[in-house]
Amino acid sequence: MGERNHRDFVIFLCLETMAMAVSFLTAVGRLLALRQSLRVLMETHMVVVVFCVFDGVLLLSVFALTCSQLTQVLHFPLCRRVVPHLFVVALQRLLKRMVVVGVSAPPPRCSKTSPPTR
């Protein structure tokens, strides 16, 4: 899949995930508004309860697919362009701090006249 098609696919997955979440939350909200026990809901509104179960399962799988695709779309261009630059900048800053603090210099040795520390 091409990079542009991949991004279009991710946009489609995001829209689908949001639509499924809205439909799931609407159905659950309607069931909760009835204020009945689960047994009564299964007897009177079995279709809505089954819809909530299947929509919830599909919503989790589509959400996982969306997250994995988002990770791929966001990760690969950053690795090629931004991350190496950020790594170099961070390494340069770390080296400057080490020189300022004096980490690069060897630690001073104890003189023979000072008492040993315990």
Protein backbone atom coordinates (compact mmCIF):
# COMPACT_ATOMS: atom_id res chain seq x y z
CA MET A 1 0.00 0.00 0.00
CA GLY A 2 1.36 3.38 -0.93
CA GLU A 3 2.06 6.07 1.65
CA ARG A 4 -0.79 8.31 0.50
CA ASN A 5 -3.22 5.38 0.33
CA HIS A 6 -2.05 4.28 3.75
CA ARG A 7 -2.87 7.68 5.23
CA ASP A 8 -6.29 7.66 3.54
CA PHE A 9 -6.90 4.21 5.01
CA VAL A 10 -5.95 5.46 8.48
CA ILE A 11 -8.32 8.42 8.12
CA PHE A 12 -11.07 6.00 7.12
CA LEU A 13 -10.29 3.81 10.14
CA CYS A 14 -10.42 6.81 12.48
CA LEU A 15 -13.81 7.86 11.11
CA GLU A 16 -15.10 4.29 11.34
CA THR A 17 -13.88 3.96 14.92
CA MET A 18 -15.59 7.19 15.93
CA ALA A 19 -18.85 6.14 14.22
CA MET A 20 -18.80 2.75 15.92
CA ALA A 21 -18.07 4.35 19.29
CA VAL A 22 -21.01 6.74 18.85
CA SER A 23 -23.38 3.92 17.89
CA PHE A 24 -22.16 1.76 20.80
CA LEU A 25 -22.50 4.58 23.34
CA THR A 26 -25.95 5.50 21.98
CA ALA A 27 -27.20 1.92 22.30
CA VAL A 28 -25.75 1.53 25.80
CA GLY A 29 -27.21 4.90 26.81
CA ARG A 30 -30.65 3.86 25.59
CA LEU A 31 -30.42 0.59 27.52
CA LEU A 32 -29.29 2.35 30.68
CA ALA A 33 -32.13 4.88 30.34
CA LEU A 34 -34.64 2.02 30.63
CA ARG A 35 -33.36 1.24 34.16
CA GLN A 36 -34.21 -2.42 33.99
CA SER A 37 -32.27 -5.49 35.02
CA LEU A 38 -30.16 -7.37 32.49
CA ARG A 39 -32.59 -10.29 32.54
CA VAL A 40 -35.56 -8.05 31.65
CA LEU A 41 -33.50 -6.32 28.96
CA MET A 42 -32.58 -9.69 27.44
CA GLU A 43 -36.25 -10.65 27.29
CA THR A 44 -37.65 -7.36 25.98
CA HIS A 45 -34.78 -5.76 24.02
CA MET A 46 -32.65 -8.74 23.02
CA VAL A 47 -31.73 -7.26 19.62
CA VAL A 48 -30.26 -4.12 21.19
CA VAL A 49 -28.28 -6.13 23.77
CA VAL A 50 -26.87 -8.40 21.03
CA PHE A 51 -26.03 -5.31 18.96
CA CYS A 52 -24.14 -3.83 21.93
CA VAL A 53 -22.16 -7.04 22.44
CA PHE A 54 -21.17 -7.43 18.78
CA ASP A 55 -20.55 -3.71 18.30
CA GLY A 56 -18.34 -3.68 21.40
CA VAL A 57 -16.28 -6.61 20.11
CA LEU A 58 -15.93 -5.04 16.66
CA LEU A 59 -15.13 -1.66 18.20
CA LEU A 60 -12.23 -3.15 20.16
CA SER A 61 -10.81 -4.89 17.09
CA VAL A 62 -11.19 -1.81 14.86
CA PHE A 63 -9.64 0.36 17.58
CA ALA A 64 -6.65 -2.01 17.80
CA LEU A 65 -6.26 -1.94 14.00
CA THR A 66 -6.51 1.87 14.01
CA CYS A 67 -3.84 2.16 16.70
CA SER A 68 -1.46 -0.16 14.86
CA GLN A 69 -1.96 1.66 11.56
CA LEU A 70 -1.52 5.06 13.24
CA THR A 71 1.70 3.83 14.79
CA GLN A 72 3.01 2.78 11.40
CA VAL A 73 1.99 6.00 9.65
CA LEU A 74 3.42 8.23 12.36
CA HIS A 75 6.53 6.19 13.10
CA PHE A 76 8.16 5.63 9.73
CA PRO A 77 8.35 9.20 8.37
CA LEU A 78 9.59 10.39 11.77
CA CYS A 79 12.29 7.76 11.87
CA ARG A 80 13.65 8.81 8.52
CA ARG A 81 13.58 12.57 9.04
CA VAL A 82 13.05 13.84 12.55
CA VAL A 83 14.41 11.22 14.94
CA PRO A 84 18.03 11.24 13.67
CA HIS A 85 18.09 15.04 13.92
CA LEU A 86 16.62 14.95 17.44
CA PHE A 87 19.13 12.29 18.45
CA VAL A 88 22.05 14.39 17.22
CA VAL A 89 20.74 17.51 19.01
CA ALA A 90 20.18 15.60 22.25
CA LEU A 91 23.65 14.07 22.05
CA GLN A 92 25.23 17.48 21.48
CA ARG A 93 23.39 18.94 24.48
CA LEU A 94 24.43 16.01 26.65
CA LEU A 95 28.07 16.42 25.66
CA LYS A 96 27.93 20.16 26.43
CA ARG A 97 26.51 19.45 29.89
CA MET A 98 29.16 16.84 30.58
CA VAL A 99 31.91 19.31 29.73
CA VAL A 100 30.33 22.09 31.82
CA VAL A 101 29.81 19.86 34.84
CA GLY A 102 33.22 18.29 34.44
CA VAL A 103 32.13 14.70 33.97
CA SER A 104 34.70 14.18 31.27
CA ALA A 105 37.55 14.96 33.69
CA PRO A 106 38.83 12.08 35.86
CA PRO A 107 37.80 12.23 39.54
CA PRO A 108 40.41 13.74 41.88
CA ARG A 109 42.56 11.31 43.83
CA CYS A 110 42.84 11.41 47.58
CA SER A 111 46.02 13.02 48.84
CA LYS A 112 48.22 11.17 51.31
CA THR A 113 47.79 13.83 53.97
CA SER A 114 43.99 13.61 54.19
CA PRO A 115 42.53 10.99 56.53
CA PRO A 116 40.78 8.05 54.89
CA THR A 117 37.00 8.25 54.77
CA ARG A 118 34.85 5.41 55.95
